Amino acid sequence: MILLLNKKLLIILLSFLILTNFANSESKFGELTEMRDEKMRGKDGQWVRPHPGPFIWNHIESKKGNFFWDDVDQYVVYAQEHNQTILATIWPHTNWDQKSCKRKKAKSPFGKRFTKYLSKPCSMDDYKNFLIKLVDRYDGDGSNDMPGLTKPIKYWDVMNEPEFKMFFKGSKEDFIETFNFSSKVIKEKQPDAMIVMAGAAGMFPENKKYWKSVLPKIKDHFDIANIHHISGPDGQCDKELWVDEFAELLKSVDVDKPIWLTEAMTCGPPVKAWVNAFLNGAELIIDVGINAPGAKMSKKSRKKLNEFINEYDGFTSIKSISEKKVEFTYKDGSSKTLEF
């Protein structure tokens, strides 16, 4: 009994330390990355979210029992060399598993490079085996780690925009089961892991309806809430990048978690939009990147955003002074003001 209690206390302490480390982390910014594109590899010292990334069951274990790590290792090595922190998106699909229970094929926006199926795993045992091997290789515990691993992966983004059939072909119940299962397996293998909720694809009425139903059933299985700022078919966007409405939704279902904006598409002057998102509760903003699909920033706007990040990154808090002026506070007690 004493050993069990000590183990539970250790897990709680490790989780607390990870949260504290994040609160004091250097960067509040990041980018979606794609290793094939030199302009989409992210900036030194910031967060990166490979998208779709290499953490795809079908790419790593395309044949049962045959694991291929080269692509994942490439991302991890690059991130280490550039002091980047990885937010890894796990995709729980592989063709051989999906065929075993005759799942229907699906079309993803990632084309032929992606798996042909997007449903819940047929065999949760086979999926668990994949998850354990994935976490084990990059958890930094000194056992079965990637050779040369110096910066472990601790942030796992489990799945992506499941309310859209182009990313997950299944019912709400299928998503809930897969998400909660994944979280439990990861936490058992890596107690200090931080689970990031599968990103909500904006706060349009259909998104709100989906997540209002799903969130109460997964809220005990993630550490960080996750919103994406996705423009609508008519180009509609939100001046707070959906963070204010997402925060209200979380409150309505009694979820009190940090909020990350892990896909930020442009909406008007980017600096103003980024500041509004931070003021409404975002703790981290990940830009979709210079060559990502969708609306593009002008070169002038991109330059201003980069200047803003370079000048004000690393803050620990932000407050509004007036309608067009904010103050950033830093770990050492200093502060900077920004007029926008």
C-alpha atoms as a PDB file:
ATOM      1  CA  MET A   1       0.000   0.000   0.000  1.00  0.00           C
ATOM      2  CA  ILE A   2       2.829   2.406   0.918  1.00  0.00           C
ATOM      3  CA  LEU A   3       4.653   1.668  -2.332  1.00  0.00           C
ATOM      4  CA  LEU A   4       1.444   2.256  -4.311  1.00  0.00           C
ATOM      5  CA  LEU A   5       0.885   5.592  -2.594  1.00  0.00           C
ATOM      6  CA  ASN A   6       4.486   6.611  -3.211  1.00  0.00           C
ATOM      7  CA  LYS A   7       4.118   5.765  -6.904  1.00  0.00           C
ATOM      8  CA  LYS A   8       0.957   7.862  -7.162  1.00  0.00           C
ATOM      9  CA  LEU A   9       2.654  10.788  -5.409  1.00  0.00           C
ATOM     10  CA  LEU A  10       5.604  10.528  -7.808  1.00  0.00           C
ATOM     11  CA  ILE A  11       3.292  10.645 -10.824  1.00  0.00           C
ATOM     12  CA  ILE A  12       1.494  13.705  -9.407  1.00  0.00           C
ATOM     13  CA  LEU A  13       4.837  15.410  -8.727  1.00  0.00           C
ATOM     14  CA  LEU A  14       6.132  14.684 -12.230  1.00  0.00           C
ATOM     15  CA  SER A  15       2.931  16.074 -13.786  1.00  0.00           C
ATOM     16  CA  PHE A  16       3.240  19.209 -11.646  1.00  0.00           C
ATOM     17  CA  LEU A  17       6.849  19.720 -12.687  1.00  0.00           C
ATOM     18  CA  ILE A  18       5.953  19.403 -16.379  1.00  0.00           C
ATOM     19  CA  LEU A  19       3.176  21.992 -16.008  1.00  0.00           C
ATOM     20  CA  THR A  20       5.547  24.291 -14.123  1.00  0.00           C
ATOM     21  CA  ASN A  21       8.227  23.883 -16.773  1.00  0.00           C
ATOM     22  CA  PHE A  22       5.710  24.796 -19.470  1.00  0.00           C
ATOM     23  CA  ALA A  23       4.583  27.876 -17.544  1.00  0.00           C
ATOM     24  CA  ASN A  24       8.224  29.012 -17.492  1.00  0.00           C
ATOM     25  CA  SER A  25       9.112  27.871 -21.019  1.00  0.00           C
ATOM     26  CA  GLU A  26      10.939  30.243 -23.310  1.00  0.00           C
ATOM     27  CA  SER A  27       8.599  30.309 -26.285  1.00  0.00           C
ATOM     28  CA  LYS A  28       4.890  30.913 -26.696  1.00  0.00           C
ATOM     29  CA  PHE A  29       5.011  30.355 -30.431  1.00  0.00           C
ATOM     30  CA  GLY A  30       5.494  27.596 -32.971  1.00  0.00           C
ATOM     31  CA  GLU A  31       4.757  26.434 -36.503  1.00  0.00           C
ATOM     32  CA  LEU A  32       3.328  23.476 -38.350  1.00  0.00           C
ATOM     33  CA  THR A  33       6.275  21.802 -40.002  1.00  0.00           C
ATOM     34  CA  GLU A  34       7.018  19.678 -43.031  1.00  0.00           C
ATOM     35  CA  MET A  35      10.575  18.359 -43.364  1.00  0.00           C
ATOM     36  CA  ARG A  36      10.415  18.198 -47.179  1.00  0.00           C
ATOM     37  CA  ASP A  37       9.962  21.995 -47.337  1.00  0.00           C
ATOM     38  CA  GLU A  38      12.942  24.068 -46.172  1.00  0.00           C
ATOM     39  CA  LYS A  39      10.602  26.987 -45.385  1.00  0.00           C
ATOM     40  CA  MET A  40       8.378  24.778 -43.220  1.00  0.00           C
ATOM     41  CA  ARG A  41      10.904  23.368 -40.743  1.00  0.00           C
ATOM     42  CA  GLY A  42      10.123  25.780 -37.930  1.00  0.00           C
ATOM     43  CA  LYS A  43      12.222  28.349 -36.101  1.00  0.00           C
ATOM     44  CA  ASP A  44      15.019  27.692 -33.644  1.00  0.00           C
ATOM     45  CA  GLY A  45      13.970  27.673 -30.004  1.00  0.00           C
ATOM     46  CA  GLN A  46      10.237  27.407 -30.702  1.00  0.00           C
ATOM     47  CA  TRP A  47       7.548  24.733 -30.757  1.00  0.00           C
ATOM     48  CA  VAL A  48       6.960  22.585 -33.827  1.00  0.00           C
ATOM     49  CA  ARG A  49       3.948  20.491 -34.740  1.00  0.00           C
ATOM     50  CA  PRO A  50       4.829  18.229 -37.695  1.00  0.00           C
ATOM     51  CA  HIS A  51       1.692  18.042 -39.849  1.00  0.00           C
ATOM     52  CA  PRO A  52       0.582  15.488 -40.730  1.00  0.00           C
ATOM     53  CA  GLY A  53       4.004  14.508 -39.459  1.00  0.00           C
ATOM     54  CA  PRO A  54       5.684  11.116 -39.179  1.00  0.00           C
ATOM     55  CA  PHE A  55       3.798   9.789 -36.125  1.00  0.00           C
ATOM     56  CA  ILE A  56       1.443   7.755 -38.299  1.00  0.00           C
ATOM     57  CA  TRP A  57       0.892   4.118 -37.434  1.00  0.00           C
ATOM     58  CA  ASN A  58       0.760   3.194 -41.125  1.00  0.00           C
ATOM     59  CA  HIS A  59       4.152   4.797 -41.836  1.00  0.00           C
ATOM     60  CA  ILE A  60       5.889   3.336 -38.802  1.00  0.00           C
ATOM     61  CA  GLU A  61       4.380  -0.173 -38.945  1.00  0.00           C
ATOM     62  CA  SER A  62       3.235  -0.643 -42.540  1.00  0.00           C
ATOM     63  CA  LYS A  63       3.531  -4.404 -42.025  1.00  0.00           C
ATOM     64  CA  LYS A  64       2.607  -6.027 -38.752  1.00  0.00           C
ATOM     65  CA  GLY A  65       5.639  -6.343 -36.519  1.00  0.00           C
ATOM     66  CA  ASN A  66       7.938  -4.458 -38.916  1.00  0.00           C
ATOM     67  CA  PHE A  67       8.779  -1.021 -37.496  1.00  0.00           C
ATOM     68  CA  PHE A  68      10.404   1.765 -39.524  1.00  0.00           C
ATOM     69  CA  TRP A  69      11.675   4.738 -37.498  1.00  0.00           C
ATOM     70  CA  ASP A  70      13.842   6.670 -39.952  1.00  0.00           C
ATOM     71  CA  ASP A  71      11.317   9.413 -40.777  1.00  0.00           C
ATOM     72  CA  VAL A  72      10.420  10.010 -37.125  1.00  0.00           C
ATOM     73  CA  ASP A  73      14.073  10.025 -36.109  1.00  0.00           C
ATOM     74  CA  GLN A  74      14.785  12.642 -38.778  1.00  0.00           C
ATOM     75  CA  TYR A  75      12.242  15.040 -37.260  1.00  0.00           C
ATOM     76  CA  VAL A  76      13.492  14.403 -33.728  1.00  0.00           C
ATOM     77  CA  VAL A  77      17.157  14.896 -34.640  1.00  0.00           C
ATOM     78  CA  TYR A  78      16.383  18.139 -36.480  1.00  0.00           C
ATOM     79  CA  ALA A  79      14.345  19.423 -33.524  1.00  0.00           C
ATOM     80  CA  GLN A  80      17.167  18.607 -31.114  1.00  0.00           C
ATOM     81  CA  GLU A  81      19.733  20.378 -33.278  1.00  0.00           C
ATOM     82  CA  HIS A  82      17.536  23.499 -33.434  1.00  0.00           C
ATOM     83  CA  ASN A  83      16.289  23.491 -29.830  1.00  0.00           C
ATOM     84  CA  GLN A  84      12.702  22.917 -30.934  1.00  0.00           C
ATOM     85  CA  THR A  85      10.037  21.311 -28.770  1.00  0.00           C
ATOM     86  CA  ILE A  86       7.890  18.774 -30.625  1.00  0.00           C
ATOM     87  CA  LEU A  87       4.147  18.443 -30.284  1.00  0.00           C
ATOM     88  CA  ALA A  88       3.609  15.030 -31.885  1.00  0.00           C
ATOM     89  CA  THR A  89       0.270  14.221 -33.546  1.00  0.00           C
ATOM     90  CA  ILE A  90      -0.577  10.522 -33.346  1.00  0.00           C
ATOM     91  CA  TRP A  91      -2.622   9.038 -36.211  1.00  0.00           C
ATOM     92  CA  PRO A  92      -4.089   5.654 -35.125  1.00  0.00           C
ATOM     93  CA  HIS A  93      -4.490   4.045 -38.539  1.00  0.00           C
ATOM     94  CA  THR A  94      -2.597   1.436 -40.532  1.00  0.00           C
ATOM     95  CA  ASN A  95      -3.839  -0.275 -43.669  1.00  0.00           C
ATOM     96  CA  TRP A  96      -3.225  -3.887 -42.606  1.00  0.00           C
ATOM     97  CA  ASP A  97      -5.150  -3.436 -39.358  1.00  0.00           C
ATOM     98  CA  GLN A  98      -8.069  -1.645 -41.004  1.00  0.00           C
ATOM     99  CA  LYS A  99      -8.350  -4.311 -43.682  1.00  0.00           C
ATOM    100  CA  SER A 100      -8.566  -7.034 -41.027  1.00  0.00           C
ATOM    101  CA  CYS A 101     -12.113  -5.988 -40.115  1.00  0.00           C
ATOM    102  CA  LYS A 102     -13.016  -4.666 -43.571  1.00  0.00           C
ATOM    103  CA  ARG A 103     -13.113  -0.958 -42.801  1.00  0.00           C
ATOM    104  CA  LYS A 104     -14.254   1.294 -45.636  1.00  0.00           C
ATOM    105  CA  LYS A 105     -11.627   3.383 -47.386  1.00  0.00           C
ATOM    106  CA  ALA A 106     -11.575   7.140 -46.840  1.00  0.00           C
ATOM    107  CA  LYS A 107     -10.081  10.170 -48.556  1.00  0.00           C
ATOM    108  CA  SER A 108      -7.735  12.360 -46.569  1.00  0.00           C
ATOM    109  CA  PRO A 109      -6.423  15.811 -47.562  1.00  0.00           C
ATOM    110  CA  PHE A 110      -2.886  14.423 -47.416  1.00  0.00           C
ATOM    111  CA  GLY A 111      -3.222  12.339 -50.579  1.00  0.00           C
ATOM    112  CA  LYS A 112      -1.350   9.139 -51.426  1.00  0.00           C
ATOM    113  CA  ARG A 113       1.280   9.677 -48.719  1.00  0.00           C
ATOM    114  CA  PHE A 114      -1.350   9.050 -46.042  1.00  0.00           C
ATOM    115  CA  THR A 115      -3.175   5.920 -44.951  1.00  0.00           C
ATOM    116  CA  LYS A 116      -6.163   4.802 -47.030  1.00  0.00           C
ATOM    117  CA  TYR A 117      -8.277   4.262 -43.920  1.00  0.00           C
ATOM    118  CA  LEU A 118      -9.258   6.619 -41.091  1.00  0.00           C
ATOM    119  CA  SER A 119     -11.430   4.525 -38.781  1.00  0.00           C
ATOM    120  CA  LYS A 120     -11.024   3.285 -35.221  1.00  0.00           C
ATOM    121  CA  PRO A 121      -8.398   0.519 -34.984  1.00  0.00           C
ATOM    122  CA  CYS A 122      -9.730  -2.989 -35.498  1.00  0.00           C
ATOM    123  CA  SER A 123      -7.356  -4.487 -32.943  1.00  0.00           C
ATOM    124  CA  MET A 124      -6.815  -2.319 -29.884  1.00  0.00           C
ATOM    125  CA  ASP A 125      -4.114  -4.792 -28.791  1.00  0.00           C
ATOM    126  CA  ASP A 126      -2.111  -4.196 -31.984  1.00  0.00           C
ATOM    127  CA  TYR A 127      -2.646  -0.457 -31.649  1.00  0.00           C
ATOM    128  CA  LYS A 128      -1.487  -0.582 -28.016  1.00  0.00           C
ATOM    129  CA  ASN A 129       1.670  -2.391 -29.082  1.00  0.00           C
ATOM    130  CA  PHE A 130       2.406   0.368 -31.611  1.00  0.00           C
ATOM    131  CA  LEU A 131       1.767   3.129 -29.060  1.00  0.00           C
ATOM    132  CA  ILE A 132       4.030   1.568 -26.461  1.00  0.00           C
ATOM    133  CA  LYS A 133       6.881   1.178 -28.947  1.00  0.00           C
ATOM    134  CA  LEU A 134       6.406   4.756 -30.191  1.00  0.00           C
ATOM    135  CA  VAL A 135       6.451   6.317 -26.728  1.00  0.00           C
ATOM    136  CA  ASP A 136       9.218   3.999 -25.548  1.00  0.00           C
ATOM    137  CA  ARG A 137      11.558   5.158 -28.317  1.00  0.00           C
ATOM    138  CA  TYR A 138      11.161   8.885 -27.592  1.00  0.00           C
ATOM    139  CA  ASP A 139      10.382   9.112 -23.862  1.00  0.00           C
ATOM    140  CA  GLY A 140      13.995   9.574 -22.791  1.00  0.00           C
ATOM    141  CA  ASP A 141      13.915   7.067 -19.945  1.00  0.00           C
ATOM    142  CA  GLY A 142      17.190   5.466 -21.042  1.00  0.00           C
ATOM    143  CA  SER A 143      15.565   2.194 -22.111  1.00  0.00           C
ATOM    144  CA  ASN A 144      14.973   1.433 -25.814  1.00  0.00           C
ATOM    145  CA  ASP A 145      15.403   5.140 -26.680  1.00  0.00           C
ATOM    146  CA  MET A 146      16.311   6.429 -30.113  1.00  0.00           C
ATOM    147  CA  PRO A 147      20.118   6.475 -30.388  1.00  0.00           C
ATOM    148  CA  GLY A 148      21.352   9.974 -29.563  1.00  0.00           C
ATOM    149  CA  LEU A 149      18.063  11.141 -28.019  1.00  0.00           C
ATOM    150  CA  THR A 150      18.708  14.246 -25.903  1.00  0.00           C
ATOM    151  CA  LYS A 151      15.312  15.969 -25.945  1.00  0.00           C
ATOM    152  CA  PRO A 152      12.447  13.522 -25.274  1.00  0.00           C
ATOM    153  CA  ILE A 153       8.949  13.975 -26.675  1.00  0.00           C
ATOM    154  CA  LYS A 154       6.549  14.664 -23.816  1.00  0.00           C
ATOM    155  CA  TYR A 155       3.653  16.367 -25.607  1.00  0.00           C
ATOM    156  CA  TRP A 156       1.343  14.059 -27.544  1.00  0.00           C
ATOM    157  CA  ASP A 157      -1.504  15.445 -29.654  1.00  0.00           C
ATOM    158  CA  VAL A 158      -3.850  12.463 -29.952  1.00  0.00           C
ATOM    159  CA  MET A 159      -5.645  12.652 -33.332  1.00  0.00           C
ATOM    160  CA  ASN A 160      -6.794  15.709 -35.295  1.00  0.00           C
ATOM    161  CA  GLU A 161     -10.161  17.428 -35.897  1.00  0.00           C
ATOM    162  CA  PRO A 162     -12.257  14.260 -35.482  1.00  0.00           C
ATOM    163  CA  GLU A 163     -15.481  16.125 -36.252  1.00  0.00           C
ATOM    164  CA  PHE A 164     -14.308  16.185 -39.872  1.00  0.00           C
ATOM    165  CA  LYS A 165     -14.653  12.867 -41.736  1.00  0.00           C
ATOM    166  CA  MET A 166     -11.541  13.673 -43.749  1.00  0.00           C
ATOM    167  CA  PHE A 167      -9.503  13.108 -40.565  1.00  0.00           C
ATOM    168  CA  PHE A 168     -11.540  10.490 -38.703  1.00  0.00           C
ATOM    169  CA  LYS A 169     -14.134   8.200 -40.225  1.00  0.00           C
ATOM    170  CA  GLY A 170     -16.150   7.061 -37.245  1.00  0.00           C
ATOM    171  CA  SER A 171     -18.808   7.917 -34.694  1.00  0.00           C
ATOM    172  CA  LYS A 172     -18.359  10.114 -31.631  1.00  0.00           C
ATOM    173  CA  GLU A 173     -18.235   6.933 -29.562  1.00  0.00           C
ATOM    174  CA  ASP A 174     -15.442   5.554 -31.778  1.00  0.00           C
ATOM    175  CA  PHE A 175     -13.429   8.721 -31.288  1.00  0.00           C
ATOM    176  CA  ILE A 176     -13.998   8.788 -27.519  1.00  0.00           C
ATOM    177  CA  GLU A 177     -12.922   5.155 -27.174  1.00  0.00           C
ATOM    178  CA  THR A 178      -9.800   5.626 -29.302  1.00  0.00           C
ATOM    179  CA  PHE A 179      -8.796   8.894 -27.621  1.00  0.00           C
ATOM    180  CA  ASN A 180      -9.253   7.698 -24.037  1.00  0.00           C
ATOM    181  CA  PHE A 181      -7.529   4.395 -24.796  1.00  0.00           C
ATOM    182  CA  SER A 182      -4.550   6.208 -26.338  1.00  0.00           C
ATOM    183  CA  SER A 183      -4.239   8.553 -23.377  1.00  0.00           C
ATOM    184  CA  LYS A 184      -4.270   5.720 -20.837  1.00  0.00           C
ATOM    185  CA  VAL A 185      -1.615   3.730 -22.721  1.00  0.00           C
ATOM    186  CA  ILE A 186       0.684   6.751 -23.108  1.00  0.00           C
ATOM    187  CA  LYS A 187       0.341   7.788 -19.451  1.00  0.00           C
ATOM    188  CA  GLU A 188       1.032   4.262 -18.237  1.00  0.00           C
ATOM    189  CA  LYS A 189       4.230   4.118 -20.299  1.00  0.00           C
ATOM    190  CA  GLN A 190       5.269   7.750 -19.721  1.00  0.00           C
ATOM    191  CA  PRO A 191       3.777   9.180 -16.489  1.00  0.00           C
ATOM    192  CA  ASP A 192       5.106  12.688 -17.168  1.00  0.00           C
ATOM    193  CA  ALA A 193       3.590  12.826 -20.678  1.00  0.00           C
ATOM    194  CA  MET A 194       1.203  15.667 -21.461  1.00  0.00           C
ATOM    195  CA  ILE A 195      -1.815  14.729 -23.567  1.00  0.00           C
ATOM    196  CA  VAL A 196      -3.173  17.412 -25.877  1.00  0.00           C
ATOM    197  CA  MET A 197      -6.819  17.176 -26.910  1.00  0.00           C
ATOM    198  CA  ALA A 198      -7.451  16.493 -30.596  1.00  0.00           C
ATOM    199  CA  GLY A 199      -7.829  19.992 -32.036  1.00  0.00           C
ATOM    200  CA  ALA A 200     -11.335  21.368 -32.507  1.00  0.00           C
ATOM    201  CA  ALA A 201     -11.666  22.706 -36.050  1.00  0.00           C
ATOM    202  CA  GLY A 202     -12.967  26.134 -35.070  1.00  0.00           C
ATOM    203  CA  MET A 203     -16.116  27.140 -33.236  1.00  0.00           C
ATOM    204  CA  PHE A 204     -18.704  27.023 -35.975  1.00  0.00           C
ATOM    205  CA  PRO A 205     -22.121  25.702 -34.822  1.00  0.00           C
ATOM    206  CA  GLU A 206     -21.388  22.133 -35.938  1.00  0.00           C
ATOM    207  CA  ASN A 207     -18.041  22.147 -34.083  1.00  0.00           C
ATOM    208  CA  LYS A 208     -19.599  23.421 -30.870  1.00  0.00           C
ATOM    209  CA  LYS A 209     -22.323  20.785 -31.033  1.00  0.00           C
ATOM    210  CA  TYR A 210     -19.796  17.982 -31.534  1.00  0.00           C
ATOM    211  CA  TRP A 211     -17.435  19.029 -28.753  1.00  0.00           C
ATOM    212  CA  LYS A 212     -20.168  19.895 -26.264  1.00  0.00           C
ATOM    213  CA  SER A 213     -21.164  16.241 -26.507  1.00  0.00           C
ATOM    214  CA  VAL A 214     -17.645  14.769 -26.572  1.00  0.00           C
ATOM    215  CA  LEU A 215     -15.697  16.893 -24.071  1.00  0.00           C
ATOM    216  CA  PRO A 216     -17.440  15.622 -20.904  1.00  0.00           C
ATOM    217  CA  LYS A 217     -16.467  12.072 -21.899  1.00  0.00           C
ATOM    218  CA  ILE A 218     -12.765  12.753 -22.560  1.00  0.00           C
ATOM    219  CA  LYS A 219     -11.985  15.604 -20.141  1.00  0.00           C
ATOM    220  CA  ASP A 220     -10.296  13.324 -17.611  1.00  0.00           C
ATOM    221  CA  HIS A 221      -7.931  12.017 -20.288  1.00  0.00           C
ATOM    222  CA  PHE A 222      -6.197  15.160 -21.546  1.00  0.00           C
ATOM    223  CA  ASP A 223      -4.048  17.853 -19.943  1.00  0.00           C
ATOM    224  CA  ILE A 224      -4.272  20.633 -22.518  1.00  0.00           C
ATOM    225  CA  ALA A 225      -7.320  21.842 -24.468  1.00  0.00           C
ATOM    226  CA  ASN A 226      -6.733  22.454 -28.165  1.00  0.00           C
ATOM    227  CA  ILE A 227      -8.425  24.775 -30.683  1.00  0.00           C
ATOM    228  CA  HIS A 228      -7.656  25.418 -34.358  1.00  0.00           C
ATOM    229  CA  HIS A 229      -8.460  28.652 -36.132  1.00  0.00           C
ATOM    230  CA  ILE A 230      -9.858  27.414 -39.421  1.00  0.00           C
ATOM    231  CA  SER A 231     -11.472  29.789 -41.892  1.00  0.00           C
ATOM    232  CA  GLY A 232     -14.892  28.809 -43.224  1.00  0.00           C
ATOM    233  CA  PRO A 233     -15.671  28.072 -46.891  1.00  0.00           C
ATOM    234  CA  ASP A 234     -16.504  31.760 -47.433  1.00  0.00           C
ATOM    235  CA  GLY A 235     -13.263  32.886 -45.832  1.00  0.00           C
ATOM    236  CA  GLN A 236     -14.953  33.731 -42.538  1.00  0.00           C
ATOM    237  CA  CYS A 237     -12.534  34.090 -39.650  1.00  0.00           C
ATOM    238  CA  ASP A 238     -12.601  35.172 -36.038  1.00  0.00           C
ATOM    239  CA  LYS A 239     -10.747  38.163 -34.573  1.00  0.00           C
ATOM    240  CA  GLU A 240      -9.832  36.245 -31.401  1.00  0.00           C
ATOM    241  CA  LEU A 241      -8.955  33.158 -33.450  1.00  0.00           C
ATOM    242  CA  TRP A 242     -11.872  31.293 -31.742  1.00  0.00           C
ATOM    243  CA  VAL A 243     -10.130  31.273 -28.368  1.00  0.00           C
ATOM    244  CA  ASP A 244     -12.843  33.284 -26.579  1.00  0.00           C
ATOM    245  CA  GLU A 245     -15.688  31.037 -27.775  1.00  0.00           C
ATOM    246  CA  PHE A 246     -13.643  27.915 -27.099  1.00  0.00           C
ATOM    247  CA  ALA A 247     -12.958  29.091 -23.542  1.00  0.00           C
ATOM    248  CA  GLU A 248     -16.702  29.619 -23.042  1.00  0.00           C
ATOM    249  CA  LEU A 249     -17.430  26.123 -24.353  1.00  0.00           C
ATOM    250  CA  LEU A 250     -14.870  24.579 -22.000  1.00  0.00           C
ATOM    251  CA  LYS A 251     -16.392  26.439 -19.061  1.00  0.00           C
ATOM    252  CA  SER A 252     -19.893  25.280 -20.007  1.00  0.00           C
ATOM    253  CA  VAL A 253     -18.824  21.631 -19.688  1.00  0.00           C
ATOM    254  CA  ASP A 254     -16.729  22.192 -16.568  1.00  0.00           C
ATOM    255  CA  VAL A 255     -13.313  21.807 -18.204  1.00  0.00           C
ATOM    256  CA  ASP A 256     -10.545  23.882 -16.611  1.00  0.00           C
ATOM    257  CA  LYS A 257      -7.413  23.240 -18.679  1.00  0.00           C
ATOM    258  CA  PRO A 258      -4.722  25.336 -20.387  1.00  0.00           C
ATOM    259  CA  ILE A 259      -5.696  26.362 -23.932  1.00  0.00           C
ATOM    260  CA  TRP A 260      -3.363  25.936 -26.878  1.00  0.00           C
ATOM    261  CA  LEU A 261      -4.089  27.226 -30.380  1.00  0.00           C
ATOM    262  CA  THR A 262      -2.200  24.680 -32.468  1.00  0.00           C
ATOM    263  CA  GLU A 263      -3.297  25.821 -35.938  1.00  0.00           C
ATOM    264  CA  ALA A 264      -3.610  29.555 -36.462  1.00  0.00           C
ATOM    265  CA  MET A 265      -4.726  30.641 -39.918  1.00  0.00           C
ATOM    266  CA  THR A 266      -4.444  34.342 -40.672  1.00  0.00           C
ATOM    267  CA  CYS A 267      -7.318  36.713 -39.874  1.00  0.00           C
ATOM    268  CA  GLY A 268      -6.723  40.377 -40.616  1.00  0.00           C
ATOM    269  CA  PRO A 269      -3.605  41.961 -39.082  1.00  0.00           C
ATOM    270  CA  PRO A 270      -1.914  38.924 -37.500  1.00  0.00           C
ATOM    271  CA  VAL A 271      -0.292  40.714 -34.549  1.00  0.00           C
ATOM    272  CA  LYS A 272      -3.662  42.052 -33.403  1.00  0.00           C
ATOM    273  CA  ALA A 273      -5.270  38.618 -33.802  1.00  0.00           C
ATOM    274  CA  TRP A 274      -2.436  36.869 -31.918  1.00  0.00           C
ATOM    275  CA  VAL A 275      -2.654  39.422 -29.067  1.00  0.00           C
ATOM    276  CA  ASN A 276      -6.441  38.989 -28.868  1.00  0.00           C
ATOM    277  CA  ALA A 277      -6.004  35.220 -28.676  1.00  0.00           C
ATOM    278  CA  PHE A 278      -3.508  35.523 -25.818  1.00  0.00           C
ATOM    279  CA  LEU A 279      -5.749  37.998 -23.968  1.00  0.00           C
ATOM    280  CA  ASN A 280      -8.625  35.514 -24.201  1.00  0.00           C
ATOM    281  CA  GLY A 281      -6.680  32.648 -22.682  1.00  0.00           C
ATOM    282  CA  ALA A 282      -4.361  31.074 -25.264  1.00  0.00           C
ATOM    283  CA  GLU A 283      -1.039  29.986 -23.715  1.00  0.00           C
ATOM    284  CA  LEU A 284       0.615  28.886 -26.949  1.00  0.00           C
ATOM    285  CA  ILE A 285       0.004  29.746 -30.623  1.00  0.00           C
ATOM    286  CA  ILE A 286       1.233  27.589 -33.494  1.00  0.00           C
ATOM    287  CA  ASP A 287       1.112  29.242 -36.907  1.00  0.00           C
ATOM    288  CA  VAL A 288       0.056  27.102 -39.880  1.00  0.00           C
ATOM    289  CA  GLY A 289       3.265  28.106 -41.637  1.00  0.00           C
ATOM    290  CA  ILE A 290       4.303  30.056 -44.670  1.00  0.00           C
ATOM    291  CA  ASN A 291       3.458  27.377 -47.271  1.00  0.00           C
ATOM    292  CA  ALA A 292       0.437  25.767 -45.594  1.00  0.00           C
ATOM    293  CA  PRO A 293      -2.791  25.407 -47.591  1.00  0.00           C
ATOM    294  CA  GLY A 294      -5.442  28.097 -47.178  1.00  0.00           C
ATOM    295  CA  ALA A 295      -5.320  31.889 -46.849  1.00  0.00           C
ATOM    296  CA  LYS A 296      -1.829  33.385 -46.950  1.00  0.00           C
ATOM    297  CA  MET A 297      -0.334  36.285 -45.034  1.00  0.00           C
ATOM    298  CA  SER A 298       1.104  39.103 -47.086  1.00  0.00           C
ATOM    299  CA  LYS A 299       4.873  39.509 -46.912  1.00  0.00           C
ATOM    300  CA  LYS A 300       4.341  42.702 -44.922  1.00  0.00           C
ATOM    301  CA  SER A 301       2.097  40.972 -42.377  1.00  0.00           C
ATOM    302  CA  ARG A 302       4.484  38.027 -42.097  1.00  0.00           C
ATOM    303  CA  LYS A 303       7.364  40.415 -41.414  1.00  0.00           C
ATOM    304  CA  LYS A 304       5.390  42.226 -38.690  1.00  0.00           C
ATOM    305  CA  LEU A 305       4.403  38.946 -37.051  1.00  0.00           C
ATOM    306  CA  ASN A 306       8.007  37.720 -37.014  1.00  0.00           C
ATOM    307  CA  GLU A 307       9.157  41.041 -35.534  1.00  0.00           C
ATOM    308  CA  PHE A 308       6.467  40.750 -32.845  1.00  0.00           C
ATOM    309  CA  ILE A 309       7.525  37.204 -31.958  1.00  0.00           C
ATOM    310  CA  ASN A 310      11.230  38.116 -31.831  1.00  0.00           C
ATOM    311  CA  GLU A 311      10.571  41.119 -29.591  1.00  0.00           C
ATOM    312  CA  TYR A 312       7.941  39.804 -27.174  1.00  0.00           C
ATOM    313  CA  ASP A 313       8.371  36.022 -26.986  1.00  0.00           C
ATOM    314  CA  GLY A 314       9.087  34.403 -23.639  1.00  0.00           C
ATOM    315  CA  PHE A 315       6.509  36.337 -21.632  1.00  0.00           C
ATOM    316  CA  THR A 316       4.830  34.765 -18.615  1.00  0.00           C
ATOM    317  CA  SER A 317       1.669  36.895 -18.616  1.00  0.00           C
ATOM    318  CA  ILE A 318      -0.186  39.488 -20.651  1.00  0.00           C
ATOM    319  CA  LYS A 319      -2.707  42.150 -19.661  1.00  0.00           C
ATOM    320  CA  SER A 320      -4.677  44.819 -21.486  1.00  0.00           C
ATOM    321  CA  ILE A 321      -3.833  48.436 -20.654  1.00  0.00           C
ATOM    322  CA  SER A 322      -6.162  50.060 -23.175  1.00  0.00           C
ATOM    323  CA  GLU A 323      -8.046  49.129 -26.320  1.00  0.00           C
ATOM    324  CA  LYS A 324      -4.852  49.163 -28.386  1.00  0.00           C
ATOM    325  CA  LYS A 325      -2.155  48.631 -25.793  1.00  0.00           C
ATOM    326  CA  VAL A 326      -1.019  45.561 -23.835  1.00  0.00           C
ATOM    327  CA  GLU A 327       1.706  44.778 -21.340  1.00  0.00           C
ATOM    328  CA  PHE A 328       3.823  41.618 -21.327  1.00  0.00           C
ATOM    329  CA  THR A 329       5.506  40.478 -18.104  1.00  0.00           C
ATOM    330  CA  TYR A 330       8.583  38.253 -17.980  1.00  0.00           C
ATOM    331  CA  LYS A 331      10.048  35.736 -15.543  1.00  0.00           C
ATOM    332  CA  ASP A 332      12.657  38.182 -14.266  1.00  0.00           C
ATOM    333  CA  GLY A 333       9.965  40.713 -13.340  1.00  0.00           C
ATOM    334  CA  SER A 334      10.555  43.002 -16.308  1.00  0.00           C
ATOM    335  CA  SER A 335       7.775  44.119 -18.648  1.00  0.00           C
ATOM    336  CA  LYS A 336       7.263  45.417 -22.166  1.00  0.00           C
ATOM    337  CA  THR A 337       4.337  47.292 -23.695  1.00  0.00           C
ATOM    338  CA  LEU A 338       2.978  46.921 -27.202  1.00  0.00           C
ATOM    339  CA  GLU A 339       0.708  49.302 -29.105  1.00  0.00           C
ATOM    340  CA  PHE A 340      -1.099  47.721 -32.023  1.00  0.00           C
END
